[in-house]
Amino acid sequence: STINAMGWHRQAPGKQRELVATITTDGATNYADSVKGRFTIS
């Protein structure tokens, strides 16, 4: 689709899947607090 979001989630053993970072087609990003300043999505 011309309008979509792509991103990354992660799941550690014994834990629920959690959002890491997402980015939309217009460049808006969202990061988990635990990765802010360390991870960059593009």
PDB file of all heavy atoms in Angstrom:
ATOM      1  N   SER A   1       0.846  -1.200   0.000  1.00  0.00           N
ATOM      2  CA  SER A   1       0.000   0.000   0.000  1.00  0.00           C
ATOM      3  C   SER A   1       0.873   1.239   0.000  1.00  0.00           C
ATOM      4  O   SER A   1       1.974   1.258   0.556  1.00  0.00           O
ATOM      5  CB  SER A   1      -0.886  -0.005   1.237  1.00  0.00           C
ATOM      6  OG  SER A   1      -1.578   1.226   1.356  1.00  0.00           O
ATOM      7  N   THR A   2       0.368   2.320  -0.606  1.00  0.00           N
ATOM      8  CA  THR A   2       1.133   3.571  -0.630  1.00  0.00           C
ATOM      9  C   THR A   2       1.214   4.209   0.756  1.00  0.00           C
ATOM     10  O   THR A   2       2.082   5.028   1.017  1.00  0.00           O
ATOM     11  CB  THR A   2       0.527   4.563  -1.619  1.00  0.00           C
ATOM     12  OG1 THR A   2      -0.858   4.757  -1.310  1.00  0.00           O
ATOM     13  CG2 THR A   2       0.646   4.050  -3.054  1.00  0.00           C
ATOM     14  N   ILE A   3       0.282   3.846   1.618  1.00  0.00           N
ATOM     15  CA  ILE A   3       0.289   4.339   2.995  1.00  0.00           C
ATOM     16  C   ILE A   3       0.389   3.133   3.922  1.00  0.00           C
ATOM     17  O   ILE A   3      -0.499   2.283   3.945  1.00  0.00           O
ATOM     18  CB  ILE A   3      -0.977   5.144   3.307  1.00  0.00           C
ATOM     19  CG1 ILE A   3      -1.074   6.353   2.367  1.00  0.00           C
ATOM     20  CG2 ILE A   3      -0.981   5.582   4.763  1.00  0.00           C
ATOM     21  CD1 ILE A   3      -2.357   7.135   2.518  1.00  0.00           C
ATOM     22  N   ASN A   4       1.478   3.066   4.658  1.00  0.00           N
ATOM     23  CA  ASN A   4       1.665   1.920   5.545  1.00  0.00           C
ATOM     24  C   ASN A   4       2.650   2.269   6.637  1.00  0.00           C
ATOM     25  O   ASN A   4       3.266   3.351   6.624  1.00  0.00           O
ATOM     26  CB  ASN A   4       2.141   0.690   4.765  1.00  0.00           C
ATOM     27  CG  ASN A   4       3.502   0.887   4.110  1.00  0.00           C
ATOM     28  OD1 ASN A   4       4.521   0.972   4.808  1.00  0.00           O
ATOM     29  ND2 ASN A   4       3.549   0.939   2.786  1.00  0.00           N
ATOM     30  N   ALA A   5       2.772   1.379   7.548  1.00  0.00           N
ATOM     31  CA  ALA A   5       3.794   1.491   8.589  1.00  0.00           C
ATOM     32  C   ALA A   5       4.612   0.210   8.579  1.00  0.00           C
ATOM     33  O   ALA A   5       4.075  -0.884   8.379  1.00  0.00           O
ATOM     34  CB  ALA A   5       3.159   1.700   9.952  1.00  0.00           C
ATOM     35  N   MET A   6       5.894   0.359   8.783  1.00  0.00           N
ATOM     36  CA  MET A   6       6.771  -0.802   8.935  1.00  0.00           C
ATOM     37  C   MET A   6       7.569  -0.624  10.210  1.00  0.00           C
ATOM     38  O   MET A   6       7.803   0.509  10.657  1.00  0.00           O
ATOM     39  CB  MET A   6       7.698  -0.947   7.729  1.00  0.00           C
ATOM     40  CG  MET A   6       6.974  -1.283   6.439  1.00  0.00           C
ATOM     41  SD  MET A   6       8.099  -1.597   5.051  1.00  0.00           S
ATOM     42  CE  MET A   6       8.819  -3.165   5.540  1.00  0.00           C
ATOM     43  N   GLY A   7       7.956  -1.727  10.786  1.00  0.00           N
ATOM     44  CA  GLY A   7       8.689  -1.593  12.023  1.00  0.00           C
ATOM     45  C   GLY A   7       9.198  -2.916  12.551  1.00  0.00           C
ATOM     46  O   GLY A   7       9.155  -3.939  11.854  1.00  0.00           O
ATOM     47  N   TRP A   8       9.666  -2.852  13.766  1.00  0.00           N
ATOM     48  CA  TRP A   8      10.267  -4.003  14.429  1.00  0.00           C
ATOM     49  C   TRP A   8       9.662  -4.196  15.801  1.00  0.00           C
ATOM     50  O   TRP A   8       9.454  -3.228  16.544  1.00  0.00           O
ATOM     51  CB  TRP A   8      11.778  -3.792  14.561  1.00  0.00           C
ATOM     52  CG  TRP A   8      12.470  -3.719  13.244  1.00  0.00           C
ATOM     53  CD1 TRP A   8      12.719  -2.592  12.511  1.00  0.00           C
ATOM     54  CD2 TRP A   8      12.992  -4.818  12.490  1.00  0.00           C
ATOM     55  NE1 TRP A   8      13.354  -2.925  11.337  1.00  0.00           N
ATOM     56  CE2 TRP A   8      13.534  -4.287  11.310  1.00  0.00           C
ATOM     57  CE3 TRP A   8      13.053  -6.192  12.698  1.00  0.00           C
ATOM     58  CZ2 TRP A   8      14.139  -5.084  10.338  1.00  0.00           C
ATOM     59  CZ3 TRP A   8      13.654  -6.988  11.731  1.00  0.00           C
ATOM     60  CH2 TRP A   8      14.180  -6.432  10.576  1.00  0.00           C
ATOM     61  N   HIS A   9       9.378  -5.438  16.101  1.00  0.00           N
ATOM     62  CA  HIS A   9       8.988  -5.865  17.429  1.00  0.00           C
ATOM     63  C   HIS A   9       9.979  -6.944  17.853  1.00  0.00           C
ATOM     64  O   HIS A   9      10.707  -7.489  17.019  1.00  0.00           O
ATOM     65  CB  HIS A   9       7.573  -6.437  17.423  1.00  0.00           C
ATOM     66  CG  HIS A   9       6.500  -5.414  17.202  1.00  0.00           C
ATOM     67  ND1 HIS A   9       6.387  -4.681  16.044  1.00  0.00           N
ATOM     68  CD2 HIS A   9       5.478  -5.004  17.992  1.00  0.00           C
ATOM     69  CE1 HIS A   9       5.356  -3.863  16.126  1.00  0.00           C
ATOM     70  NE2 HIS A   9       4.787  -4.037  17.309  1.00  0.00           N
ATOM     71  N   ARG A  10      10.013  -7.247  19.126  1.00  0.00           N
ATOM     72  CA  ARG A  10      10.897  -8.309  19.599  1.00  0.00           C
ATOM     73  C   ARG A  10      10.232  -9.127  20.684  1.00  0.00           C
ATOM     74  O   ARG A  10       9.338  -8.639  21.377  1.00  0.00           O
ATOM     75  CB  ARG A  10      12.221  -7.725  20.109  1.00  0.00           C
ATOM     76  CG  ARG A  10      12.099  -6.884  21.369  1.00  0.00           C
ATOM     77  CD  ARG A  10      13.431  -6.216  21.693  1.00  0.00           C
ATOM     78  NE  ARG A  10      13.339  -5.408  22.909  1.00  0.00           N
ATOM     79  CZ  ARG A  10      14.320  -4.624  23.344  1.00  0.00           C
ATOM     80  NH1 ARG A  10      15.471  -4.527  22.652  1.00  0.00           N
ATOM     81  NH2 ARG A  10      14.163  -3.936  24.454  1.00  0.00           N
ATOM     82  N   GLN A  11      10.708 -10.356  20.798  1.00  0.00           N
ATOM     83  CA  GLN A  11      10.185 -11.244  21.825  1.00  0.00           C
ATOM     84  C   GLN A  11      11.330 -12.015  22.448  1.00  0.00           C
ATOM     85  O   GLN A  11      12.022 -12.774  21.757  1.00  0.00           O
ATOM     86  CB  GLN A  11       9.150 -12.202  21.246  1.00  0.00           C
ATOM     87  CG  GLN A  11       8.436 -13.027  22.296  1.00  0.00           C
ATOM     88  CD  GLN A  11       7.206 -13.720  21.752  1.00  0.00           C
ATOM     89  OE1 GLN A  11       7.026 -13.867  20.547  1.00  0.00           O
ATOM     90  NE2 GLN A  11       6.318 -14.132  22.652  1.00  0.00           N
ATOM     91  N   ALA A  12      11.525 -11.794  23.732  1.00  0.00           N
ATOM     92  CA  ALA A  12      12.536 -12.518  24.486  1.00  0.00           C
ATOM     93  C   ALA A  12      11.907 -13.774  25.081  1.00  0.00           C
ATOM     94  O   ALA A  12      10.685 -13.830  25.266  1.00  0.00           O
ATOM     95  CB  ALA A  12      13.099 -11.623  25.580  1.00  0.00           C
ATOM     96  N   PRO A  13      12.714 -14.768  25.403  1.00  0.00           N
ATOM     97  CA  PRO A  13      12.171 -16.006  25.980  1.00  0.00           C
ATOM     98  C   PRO A  13      11.346 -15.729  27.230  1.00  0.00           C
ATOM     99  O   PRO A  13      11.786 -15.009  28.130  1.00  0.00           O
ATOM    100  CB  PRO A  13      13.423 -16.811  26.303  1.00  0.00           C
ATOM    101  CG  PRO A  13      14.448 -16.312  25.354  1.00  0.00           C
ATOM    102  CD  PRO A  13      14.161 -14.846  25.188  1.00  0.00           C
ATOM    103  N   GLY A  14      10.149 -16.271  27.265  1.00  0.00           N
ATOM    104  CA  GLY A  14       9.286 -16.120  28.423  1.00  0.00           C
ATOM    105  C   GLY A  14       8.596 -14.779  28.543  1.00  0.00           C
ATOM    106  O   GLY A  14       7.923 -14.517  29.540  1.00  0.00           O
ATOM    107  N   LYS A  15       8.763 -13.925  27.529  1.00  0.00           N
ATOM    108  CA  LYS A  15       8.150 -12.594  27.581  1.00  0.00           C
ATOM    109  C   LYS A  15       7.222 -12.383  26.399  1.00  0.00           C
ATOM    110  O   LYS A  15       7.296 -13.075  25.395  1.00  0.00           O
ATOM    111  CB  LYS A  15       9.229 -11.509  27.605  1.00  0.00           C
ATOM    112  CG  LYS A  15      10.095 -11.530  28.856  1.00  0.00           C
ATOM    113  CD  LYS A  15      11.010 -10.334  28.904  1.00  0.00           C
ATOM    114  CE  LYS A  15      11.815 -10.299  30.187  1.00  0.00           C
ATOM    115  NZ  LYS A  15      12.699  -9.099  30.251  1.00  0.00           N
ATOM    116  N   GLN A  16       6.355 -11.395  26.527  1.00  0.00           N
ATOM    117  CA  GLN A  16       5.464 -11.056  25.434  1.00  0.00           C
ATOM    118  C   GLN A  16       6.209 -10.276  24.358  1.00  0.00           C
ATOM    119  O   GLN A  16       7.217  -9.607  24.634  1.00  0.00           O
ATOM    120  CB  GLN A  16       4.285 -10.220  25.966  1.00  0.00           C
ATOM    121  CG  GLN A  16       3.318 -10.993  26.827  1.00  0.00           C
ATOM    122  CD  GLN A  16       2.084 -10.176  27.159  1.00  0.00           C
ATOM    123  OE1 GLN A  16       2.117  -8.948  27.215  1.00  0.00           O
ATOM    124  NE2 GLN A  16       0.970 -10.856  27.375  1.00  0.00           N
ATOM    125  N   ARG A  17       5.695 -10.353  23.151  1.00  0.00           N
ATOM    126  CA  ARG A  17       6.257  -9.572  22.063  1.00  0.00           C
ATOM    127  C   ARG A  17       6.011  -8.089  22.337  1.00  0.00           C
ATOM    128  O   ARG A  17       4.911  -7.713  22.767  1.00  0.00           O
ATOM    129  CB  ARG A  17       5.628  -9.984  20.731  1.00  0.00           C
ATOM    130  CG  ARG A  17       6.355  -9.453  19.513  1.00  0.00           C
ATOM    131  CD  ARG A  17       5.794 -10.049  18.222  1.00  0.00           C
ATOM    132  NE  ARG A  17       5.993 -11.496  18.166  1.00  0.00           N
ATOM    133  CZ  ARG A  17       5.719 -12.219  17.087  1.00  0.00           C
ATOM    134  NH1 ARG A  17       5.267 -11.644  15.978  1.00  0.00           N
ATOM    135  NH2 ARG A  17       5.890 -13.532  17.108  1.00  0.00           N
ATOM    136  N   GLU A  18       7.024  -7.274  22.084  1.00  0.00           N
ATOM    137  CA  GLU A  18       6.902  -5.854  22.370  1.00  0.00           C
ATOM    138  C   GLU A  18       7.394  -5.023  21.190  1.00  0.00           C
ATOM    139  O   GLU A  18       8.256  -5.441  20.426  1.00  0.00           O
ATOM    140  CB  GLU A  18       7.711  -5.467  23.617  1.00  0.00           C
ATOM    141  CG  GLU A  18       9.205  -5.702  23.491  1.00  0.00           C
ATOM    142  CD  GLU A  18       9.986  -5.256  24.712  1.00  0.00           C
ATOM    143  OE1 GLU A  18       9.372  -4.798  25.694  1.00  0.00           O
ATOM    144  OE2 GLU A  18      11.231  -5.345  24.685  1.00  0.00           O
ATOM    145  N   LEU A  19       6.831  -3.834  21.090  1.00  0.00           N
ATOM    146  CA  LEU A  19       7.236  -2.918  20.041  1.00  0.00           C
ATOM    147  C   LEU A  19       8.645  -2.406  20.313  1.00  0.00           C
ATOM    148  O   LEU A  19       8.993  -2.085  21.453  1.00  0.00           O
ATOM    149  CB  LEU A  19       6.255  -1.745  19.977  1.00  0.00           C
ATOM    150  CG  LEU A  19       6.538  -0.660  18.931  1.00  0.00           C
ATOM    151  CD1 LEU A  19       5.228  -0.125  18.370  1.00  0.00           C
ATOM    152  CD2 LEU A  19       7.352   0.472  19.528  1.00  0.00           C
ATOM    153  N   VAL A  20       9.441  -2.319  19.262  1.00  0.00           N
ATOM    154  CA  VAL A  20      10.764  -1.720  19.345  1.00  0.00           C
ATOM    155  C   VAL A  20      10.744  -0.341  18.676  1.00  0.00           C
ATOM    156  O   VAL A  20      11.075   0.663  19.295  1.00  0.00           O
ATOM    157  CB  VAL A  20      11.828  -2.607  18.682  1.00  0.00           C
ATOM    158  CG1 VAL A  20      13.195  -1.917  18.720  1.00  0.00           C
ATOM    159  CG2 VAL A  20      11.896  -3.960  19.361  1.00  0.00           C
ATOM    160  N   ALA A  21      10.357  -0.321  17.415  1.00  0.00           N
ATOM    161  CA  ALA A  21      10.320   0.940  16.672  1.00  0.00           C
ATOM    162  C   ALA A  21       9.468   0.776  15.426  1.00  0.00           C
ATOM    163  O   ALA A  21       9.426  -0.314  14.840  1.00  0.00           O
ATOM    164  CB  ALA A  21      11.724   1.396  16.283  1.00  0.00           C
ATOM    165  N   THR A  22       8.799   1.846  15.044  1.00  0.00           N
ATOM    166  CA  THR A  22       8.022   1.840  13.808  1.00  0.00           C
ATOM    167  C   THR A  22       8.268   3.125  13.044  1.00  0.00           C
ATOM    168  O   THR A  22       8.681   4.138  13.622  1.00  0.00           O
ATOM    169  CB  THR A  22       6.512   1.709  14.061  1.00  0.00           C
ATOM    170  OG1 THR A  22       6.081   2.831  14.855  1.00  0.00           O
ATOM    171  CG2 THR A  22       6.170   0.421  14.788  1.00  0.00           C
ATOM    172  N   ILE A  23       7.992   3.067  11.750  1.00  0.00           N
ATOM    173  CA  ILE A  23       8.116   4.246  10.895  1.00  0.00           C
ATOM    174  C   ILE A  23       7.044   4.167   9.821  1.00  0.00           C
ATOM    175  O   ILE A  23       6.794   3.106   9.247  1.00  0.00           O
ATOM    176  CB  ILE A  23       9.532   4.345  10.285  1.00  0.00           C
ATOM    177  CG1 ILE A  23       9.691   5.643   9.493  1.00  0.00           C
ATOM    178  CG2 ILE A  23       9.874   3.124   9.445  1.00  0.00           C
ATOM    179  CD1 ILE A  23      11.150   5.940   9.123  1.00  0.00           C
ATOM    180  N   THR A  24       6.383   5.296   9.573  1.00  0.00           N
ATOM    181  CA  THR A  24       5.326   5.336   8.574  1.00  0.00           C
ATOM    182  C   THR A  24       5.876   5.799   7.225  1.00  0.00           C
ATOM    183  O   THR A  24       7.049   6.200   7.125  1.00  0.00           O
ATOM    184  CB  THR A  24       4.204   6.292   9.007  1.00  0.00           C
ATOM    185  OG1 THR A  24       4.745   7.627   9.073  1.00  0.00           O
ATOM    186  CG2 THR A  24       3.654   5.904  10.372  1.00  0.00           C
ATOM    187  N   THR A  25       5.033   5.762   6.212  1.00  0.00           N
ATOM    188  CA  THR A  25       5.458   6.181   4.889  1.00  0.00           C
ATOM    189  C   THR A  25       5.759   7.679   4.834  1.00  0.00           C
ATOM    190  O   THR A  25       6.508   8.123   3.965  1.00  0.00           O
ATOM    191  CB  THR A  25       4.408   5.838   3.833  1.00  0.00           C
ATOM    192  OG1 THR A  25       3.099   6.111   4.336  1.00  0.00           O
ATOM    193  CG2 THR A  25       4.478   4.372   3.439  1.00  0.00           C
ATOM    194  N   ASP A  26       5.216   8.451   5.771  1.00  0.00           N
ATOM    195  CA  ASP A  26       5.557   9.879   5.782  1.00  0.00           C
ATOM    196  C   ASP A  26       6.689  10.194   6.754  1.00  0.00           C
ATOM    197  O   ASP A  26       6.975  11.360   7.021  1.00  0.00           O
ATOM    198  CB  ASP A  26       4.332  10.737   6.091  1.00  0.00           C
ATOM    199  CG  ASP A  26       3.743  10.457   7.458  1.00  0.00           C
ATOM    200  OD1 ASP A  26       4.337   9.653   8.211  1.00  0.00           O
ATOM    201  OD2 ASP A  26       2.697  11.047   7.786  1.00  0.00           O
ATOM    202  N   GLY A  27       7.329   9.149   7.281  1.00  0.00           N
ATOM    203  CA  GLY A  27       8.530   9.335   8.077  1.00  0.00           C
ATOM    204  C   GLY A  27       8.341   9.477   9.571  1.00  0.00           C
ATOM    205  O   GLY A  27       9.319   9.658  10.307  1.00  0.00           O
ATOM    206  N   ALA A  28       7.119   9.380  10.058  1.00  0.00           N
ATOM    207  CA  ALA A  28       6.887   9.477  11.499  1.00  0.00           C
ATOM    208  C   ALA A  28       7.420   8.226  12.192  1.00  0.00           C
ATOM    209  O   ALA A  28       7.161   7.108  11.751  1.00  0.00           O
ATOM    210  CB  ALA A  28       5.408   9.652  11.780  1.00  0.00           C
ATOM    211  N   THR A  29       8.156   8.433  13.269  1.00  0.00           N
ATOM    212  CA  THR A  29       8.761   7.311  13.986  1.00  0.00           C
ATOM    213  C   THR A  29       8.230   7.211  15.417  1.00  0.00           C
ATOM    214  O   THR A  29       7.768   8.194  15.998  1.00  0.00           O
ATOM    215  CB  THR A  29      10.289   7.443  14.041  1.00  0.00           C
ATOM    216  OG1 THR A  29      10.625   8.683  14.688  1.00  0.00           O
ATOM    217  CG2 THR A  29      10.890   7.416  12.654  1.00  0.00           C
ATOM    218  N   ASN A  30       8.340   6.005  15.950  1.00  0.00           N
ATOM    219  CA  ASN A  30       7.951   5.744  17.327  1.00  0.00           C
ATOM    220  C   ASN A  30       8.914   4.713  17.883  1.00  0.00           C
ATOM    221  O   ASN A  30       9.202   3.705  17.214  1.00  0.00           O
ATOM    222  CB  ASN A  30       6.511   5.216  17.384  1.00  0.00           C
ATOM    223  CG  ASN A  30       6.031   5.000  18.798  1.00  0.00           C
ATOM    224  OD1 ASN A  30       6.312   5.798  19.678  1.00  0.00           O
ATOM    225  ND2 ASN A  30       5.295   3.919  19.016  1.00  0.00           N
ATOM    226  N   TYR A  31       9.426   4.955  19.078  1.00  0.00           N
ATOM    227  CA  TYR A  31      10.396   4.056  19.688  1.00  0.00           C
ATOM    228  C   TYR A  31       9.935   3.642  21.082  1.00  0.00           C
ATOM    229  O   TYR A  31       9.328   4.429  21.822  1.00  0.00           O
ATOM    230  CB  TYR A  31      11.750   4.743  19.844  1.00  0.00           C
ATOM    231  CG  TYR A  31      12.472   5.046  18.561  1.00  0.00           C
ATOM    232  CD1 TYR A  31      12.325   6.268  17.934  1.00  0.00           C
ATOM    233  CD2 TYR A  31      13.334   4.112  17.988  1.00  0.00           C
ATOM    234  CE1 TYR A  31      12.991   6.563  16.753  1.00  0.00           C
ATOM    235  CE2 TYR A  31      14.018   4.391  16.814  1.00  0.00           C
ATOM    236  CZ  TYR A  31      13.845   5.619  16.208  1.00  0.00           C
ATOM    237  OH  TYR A  31      14.514   5.901  15.042  1.00  0.00           O
ATOM    238  N   ALA A  32      10.284   2.429  21.464  1.00  0.00           N
ATOM    239  CA  ALA A  32      10.131   2.019  22.847  1.00  0.00           C
ATOM    240  C   ALA A  32      11.111   2.833  23.690  1.00  0.00           C
ATOM    241  O   ALA A  32      12.220   3.143  23.251  1.00  0.00           O
ATOM    242  CB  ALA A  32      10.420   0.532  22.994  1.00  0.00           C
ATOM    243  N   ASP A  33      10.700   3.160  24.902  1.00  0.00           N
ATOM    244  CA  ASP A  33      11.579   3.948  25.784  1.00  0.00           C
ATOM    245  C   ASP A  33      12.920   3.257  26.001  1.00  0.00           C
ATOM    246  O   ASP A  33      13.957   3.910  26.127  1.00  0.00           O
ATOM    247  CB  ASP A  33      10.893   4.191  27.126  1.00  0.00           C
ATOM    248  CG  ASP A  33       9.760   5.192  27.032  1.00  0.00           C
ATOM    249  OD1 ASP A  33       9.700   5.945  26.044  1.00  0.00           O
ATOM    250  OD2 ASP A  33       8.924   5.220  27.961  1.00  0.00           O
ATOM    251  N   SER A  34      12.899   1.935  26.031  1.00  0.00           N
ATOM    252  CA  SER A  34      14.111   1.177  26.345  1.00  0.00           C
ATOM    253  C   SER A  34      15.173   1.264  25.256  1.00  0.00           C
ATOM    254  O   SER A  34      16.338   0.922  25.507  1.00  0.00           O
ATOM    255  CB  SER A  34      13.752  -0.289  26.595  1.00  0.00           C
ATOM    256  OG  SER A  34      13.138  -0.850  25.453  1.00  0.00           O
ATOM    257  N   VAL A  35      14.797   1.698  24.056  1.00  0.00           N
ATOM    258  CA  VAL A  35      15.768   1.751  22.963  1.00  0.00           C
ATOM    259  C   VAL A  35      16.035   3.170  22.471  1.00  0.00           C
ATOM    260  O   VAL A  35      16.907   3.370  21.613  1.00  0.00           O
ATOM    261  CB  VAL A  35      15.328   0.867  21.773  1.00  0.00           C
ATOM    262  CG1 VAL A  35      15.023  -0.550  22.247  1.00  0.00           C
ATOM    263  CG2 VAL A  35      14.149   1.451  21.031  1.00  0.00           C
ATOM    264  N   LYS A  36      15.322   4.138  23.001  1.00  0.00           N
ATOM    265  CA  LYS A  36      15.525   5.522  22.552  1.00  0.00           C
ATOM    266  C   LYS A  36      16.973   5.959  22.788  1.00  0.00           C
ATOM    267  O   LYS A  36      17.544   5.708  23.845  1.00  0.00           O
ATOM    268  CB  LYS A  36      14.571   6.460  23.296  1.00  0.00           C
ATOM    269  CG  LYS A  36      13.141   6.400  22.809  1.00  0.00           C
ATOM    270  CD  LYS A  36      12.249   7.348  23.590  1.00  0.00           C
ATOM    271  CE  LYS A  36      10.807   7.266  23.093  1.00  0.00           C
ATOM    272  NZ  LYS A  36       9.898   8.137  23.898  1.00  0.00           N
ATOM    273  N   GLY A  37      17.533   6.594  21.775  1.00  0.00           N
ATOM    274  CA  GLY A  37      18.911   7.041  21.869  1.00  0.00           C
ATOM    275  C   GLY A  37      19.926   5.993  21.484  1.00  0.00           C
ATOM    276  O   GLY A  37      21.119   6.308  21.311  1.00  0.00           O
ATOM    277  N   ARG A  38      19.505   4.749  21.341  1.00  0.00           N
ATOM    278  CA  ARG A  38      20.424   3.673  20.967  1.00  0.00           C
ATOM    279  C   ARG A  38      20.078   3.075  19.601  1.00  0.00           C
ATOM    280  O   ARG A  38      20.961   2.679  18.849  1.00  0.00           O
ATOM    281  CB  ARG A  38      20.398   2.559  22.015  1.00  0.00           C
ATOM    282  CG  ARG A  38      20.797   3.011  23.399  1.00  0.00           C
ATOM    283  CD  ARG A  38      20.949   1.821  24.344  1.00  0.00           C
ATOM    284  NE  ARG A  38      19.701   1.093  24.530  1.00  0.00           N
ATOM    285  CZ  ARG A  38      19.549  -0.202  24.284  1.00  0.00           C
ATOM    286  NH1 ARG A  38      20.560  -0.925  23.814  1.00  0.00           N
ATOM    287  NH2 ARG A  38      18.379  -0.791  24.504  1.00  0.00           N
ATOM    288  N   PHE A  39      18.796   2.975  19.309  1.00  0.00           N
ATOM    289  CA  PHE A  39      18.330   2.385  18.054  1.00  0.00           C
ATOM    290  C   PHE A  39      17.794   3.473  17.139  1.00  0.00           C
ATOM    291  O   PHE A  39      17.198   4.450  17.594  1.00  0.00           O
ATOM    292  CB  PHE A  39      17.215   1.377  18.308  1.00  0.00           C
ATOM    293  CG  PHE A  39      17.618   0.123  19.039  1.00  0.00           C
ATOM    294  CD1 PHE A  39      18.867  -0.021  19.620  1.00  0.00           C
ATOM    295  CD2 PHE A  39      16.720  -0.935  19.138  1.00  0.00           C
ATOM    296  CE1 PHE A  39      19.224  -1.169  20.291  1.00  0.00           C
ATOM    297  CE2 PHE A  39      17.064  -2.102  19.806  1.00  0.00           C
ATOM    298  CZ  PHE A  39      18.316  -2.208  20.385  1.00  0.00           C
ATOM    299  N   THR A  40      17.988   3.271  15.840  1.00  0.00           N
ATOM    300  CA  THR A  40      17.457   4.190  14.843  1.00  0.00           C
ATOM    301  C   THR A  40      16.779   3.398  13.736  1.00  0.00           C
ATOM    302  O   THR A  40      17.393   2.494  13.152  1.00  0.00           O
ATOM    303  CB  THR A  40      18.562   5.058  14.241  1.00  0.00           C
ATOM    304  OG1 THR A  40      19.229   5.781  15.280  1.00  0.00           O
ATOM    305  CG2 THR A  40      17.980   6.055  13.237  1.00  0.00           C
ATOM    306  N   ILE A  41      15.532   3.747  13.468  1.00  0.00           N
ATOM    307  CA  ILE A  41      14.806   3.094  12.386  1.00  0.00           C
ATOM    308  C   ILE A  41      14.791   4.001  11.170  1.00  0.00           C
ATOM    309  O   ILE A  41      14.703   5.233  11.298  1.00  0.00           O
ATOM    310  CB  ILE A  41      13.368   2.720  12.825  1.00  0.00           C
ATOM    311  CG1 ILE A  41      12.718   1.790  11.795  1.00  0.00           C
ATOM    312  CG2 ILE A  41      12.519   3.949  13.092  1.00  0.00           C
ATOM    313  CD1 ILE A  41      11.422   1.149  12.290  1.00  0.00           C
ATOM    314  N   SER A  42      14.902   3.397   9.999  1.00  0.00           N
ATOM    315  CA  SER A  42      14.870   4.166   8.763  1.00  0.00           C
ATOM    316  C   SER A  42      14.196   3.318   7.688  1.00  0.00           C
ATOM    317  O   SER A  42      14.092   2.099   7.831  1.00  0.00           O
ATOM    318  CB  SER A  42      16.277   4.558   8.319  1.00  0.00           C
ATOM    319  OG  SER A  42      17.066   3.411   8.102  1.00  0.00           O
TER     320      SER A  42
END
